[in-house]
């Protein structure tokens, strides 16, 4: 029907107007303890999965080390 065609056309037009997301500025990998993300970072770099100009980071020590760091920082702020 005519209504179906106009609906399809409006969806196509909306998709054409949609902006492309900006290219990534870097890749960050993280995991619980830091070992898996360190291995994944090394693998990603060695396998050339991403352009070499795209920096790849990993959270050293994982989320657990980050949480310890944040907690220690809060304790230091509270002692002031």
C-alpha atoms as a PDB file:
ATOM      1  CA  UNK A   1       0.000   0.000   0.000  1.00  0.00           C
ATOM      2  CA  UNK A   2       0.972   3.642  -0.379  1.00  0.00           C
ATOM      3  CA  UNK A   3       1.195   4.133   3.401  1.00  0.00           C
ATOM      4  CA  UNK A   4       3.746   1.300   3.692  1.00  0.00           C
ATOM      5  CA  UNK A   5       5.953   2.848   1.001  1.00  0.00           C
ATOM      6  CA  UNK A   6       5.965   6.276   2.653  1.00  0.00           C
ATOM      7  CA  UNK A   7       6.831   4.694   6.020  1.00  0.00           C
ATOM      8  CA  UNK A   8       9.714   2.776   4.480  1.00  0.00           C
ATOM      9  CA  UNK A   9      10.938   5.901   2.711  1.00  0.00           C
ATOM     10  CA  UNK A  10      10.858   7.953   5.926  1.00  0.00           C
ATOM     11  CA  UNK A  11      12.924   5.244   7.701  1.00  0.00           C
ATOM     12  CA  UNK A  12      15.442   5.249   4.832  1.00  0.00           C
ATOM     13  CA  UNK A  13      15.633   9.075   4.941  1.00  0.00           C
ATOM     14  CA  UNK A  14      16.168   9.033   8.723  1.00  0.00           C
ATOM     15  CA  UNK A  15      19.013   6.514   8.375  1.00  0.00           C
ATOM     16  CA  UNK A  16      20.684   8.666   5.709  1.00  0.00           C
ATOM     17  CA  UNK A  17      20.538  11.748   7.957  1.00  0.00           C
ATOM     18  CA  UNK A  18      22.022   9.897  10.931  1.00  0.00           C
ATOM     19  CA  UNK A  19      25.499  11.146  11.752  1.00  0.00           C
ATOM     20  CA  UNK A  20      28.333   8.669  11.825  1.00  0.00           C
ATOM     21  CA  UNK A  21      29.920   8.309  15.249  1.00  0.00           C
ATOM     22  CA  UNK A  22      33.370   9.878  15.566  1.00  0.00           C
ATOM     23  CA  UNK A  23      36.291   7.487  15.096  1.00  0.00           C
ATOM     24  CA  UNK A  24      37.696   6.026  18.324  1.00  0.00           C
ATOM     25  CA  UNK A  25      40.551   7.943  19.938  1.00  0.00           C
ATOM     26  CA  UNK A  26      41.880   4.862  21.679  1.00  0.00           C
ATOM     27  CA  UNK A  27      40.931   1.516  23.115  1.00  0.00           C
ATOM     28  CA  UNK A  28      40.816   0.785  26.847  1.00  0.00           C
ATOM     29  CA  UNK A  29      40.723  -2.772  28.139  1.00  0.00           C
ATOM     30  CA  UNK A  30      39.995  -3.776  31.700  1.00  0.00           C
ATOM     31  CA  UNK A  31      39.194  -6.901  33.686  1.00  0.00           C
ATOM     32  CA  UNK A  32      38.955  -7.938  37.323  1.00  0.00           C
ATOM     33  CA  UNK A  33      42.591  -8.584  38.216  1.00  0.00           C
ATOM     34  CA  UNK A  34      44.526  -7.172  35.280  1.00  0.00           C
ATOM     35  CA  UNK A  35      46.010 -10.359  33.827  1.00  0.00           C
ATOM     36  CA  UNK A  36      43.444 -11.024  31.088  1.00  0.00           C
ATOM     37  CA  UNK A  37      43.330  -7.417  29.901  1.00  0.00           C
ATOM     38  CA  UNK A  38      47.136  -7.263  29.820  1.00  0.00           C
ATOM     39  CA  UNK A  39      47.194 -10.404  27.647  1.00  0.00           C
ATOM     40  CA  UNK A  40      44.356  -9.073  25.466  1.00  0.00           C
ATOM     41  CA  UNK A  41      46.206  -5.779  24.964  1.00  0.00           C
ATOM     42  CA  UNK A  42      49.379  -7.614  23.912  1.00  0.00           C
ATOM     43  CA  UNK A  43      47.393  -9.856  21.578  1.00  0.00           C
ATOM     44  CA  UNK A  44      45.573  -6.904  19.994  1.00  0.00           C
ATOM     45  CA  UNK A  45      48.859  -5.099  19.340  1.00  0.00           C
ATOM     46  CA  UNK A  46      50.710  -8.174  18.007  1.00  0.00           C
ATOM     47  CA  UNK A  47      47.829  -9.363  15.809  1.00  0.00           C
ATOM     48  CA  UNK A  48      47.404  -5.903  14.268  1.00  0.00           C
ATOM     49  CA  UNK A  49      43.636  -6.002  14.850  1.00  0.00           C
ATOM     50  CA  UNK A  50      43.556  -2.210  15.037  1.00  0.00           C
ATOM     51  CA  UNK A  51      45.430   0.542  13.188  1.00  0.00           C
ATOM     52  CA  UNK A  52      48.876   1.032  14.747  1.00  0.00           C
ATOM     53  CA  UNK A  53      48.225   4.749  15.342  1.00  0.00           C
ATOM     54  CA  UNK A  54      45.238   3.866  17.571  1.00  0.00           C
ATOM     55  CA  UNK A  55      46.519   3.655  21.163  1.00  0.00           C
ATOM     56  CA  UNK A  56      45.517   0.610  23.208  1.00  0.00           C
ATOM     57  CA  UNK A  57      45.541   0.834  27.003  1.00  0.00           C
ATOM     58  CA  UNK A  58      44.821  -1.569  29.821  1.00  0.00           C
ATOM     59  CA  UNK A  59      44.019  -0.885  33.460  1.00  0.00           C
ATOM     60  CA  UNK A  60      47.088  -2.097  35.329  1.00  0.00           C
ATOM     61  CA  UNK A  61      46.017  -4.406  38.143  1.00  0.00           C
ATOM     62  CA  UNK A  62      42.440  -4.455  36.875  1.00  0.00           C
ATOM     63  CA  UNK A  63      39.309  -3.098  38.510  1.00  0.00           C
ATOM     64  CA  UNK A  64      40.385  -4.428  41.924  1.00  0.00           C
ATOM     65  CA  UNK A  65      43.580  -2.340  41.944  1.00  0.00           C
ATOM     66  CA  UNK A  66      41.646   0.698  40.717  1.00  0.00           C
ATOM     67  CA  UNK A  67      39.090   0.347  43.534  1.00  0.00           C
ATOM     68  CA  UNK A  68      41.909   0.023  46.084  1.00  0.00           C
ATOM     69  CA  UNK A  69      43.514   3.166  44.648  1.00  0.00           C
ATOM     70  CA  UNK A  70      40.259   5.133  44.816  1.00  0.00           C
ATOM     71  CA  UNK A  71      39.577   3.959  48.389  1.00  0.00           C
ATOM     72  CA  UNK A  72      43.097   4.948  49.498  1.00  0.00           C
ATOM     73  CA  UNK A  73      42.712   8.351  47.865  1.00  0.00           C
ATOM     74  CA  UNK A  74      39.401   8.944  49.700  1.00  0.00           C
ATOM     75  CA  UNK A  75      41.024   7.955  53.002  1.00  0.00           C
ATOM     76  CA  UNK A  76      43.818  10.481  52.362  1.00  0.00           C
ATOM     77  CA  UNK A  77      41.280  13.223  51.590  1.00  0.00           C
ATOM     78  CA  UNK A  78      39.337  12.478  54.779  1.00  0.00           C
ATOM     79  CA  UNK A  79      42.484  12.758  56.942  1.00  0.00           C
ATOM     80  CA  UNK A  80      43.172  16.327  55.825  1.00  0.00           C
END
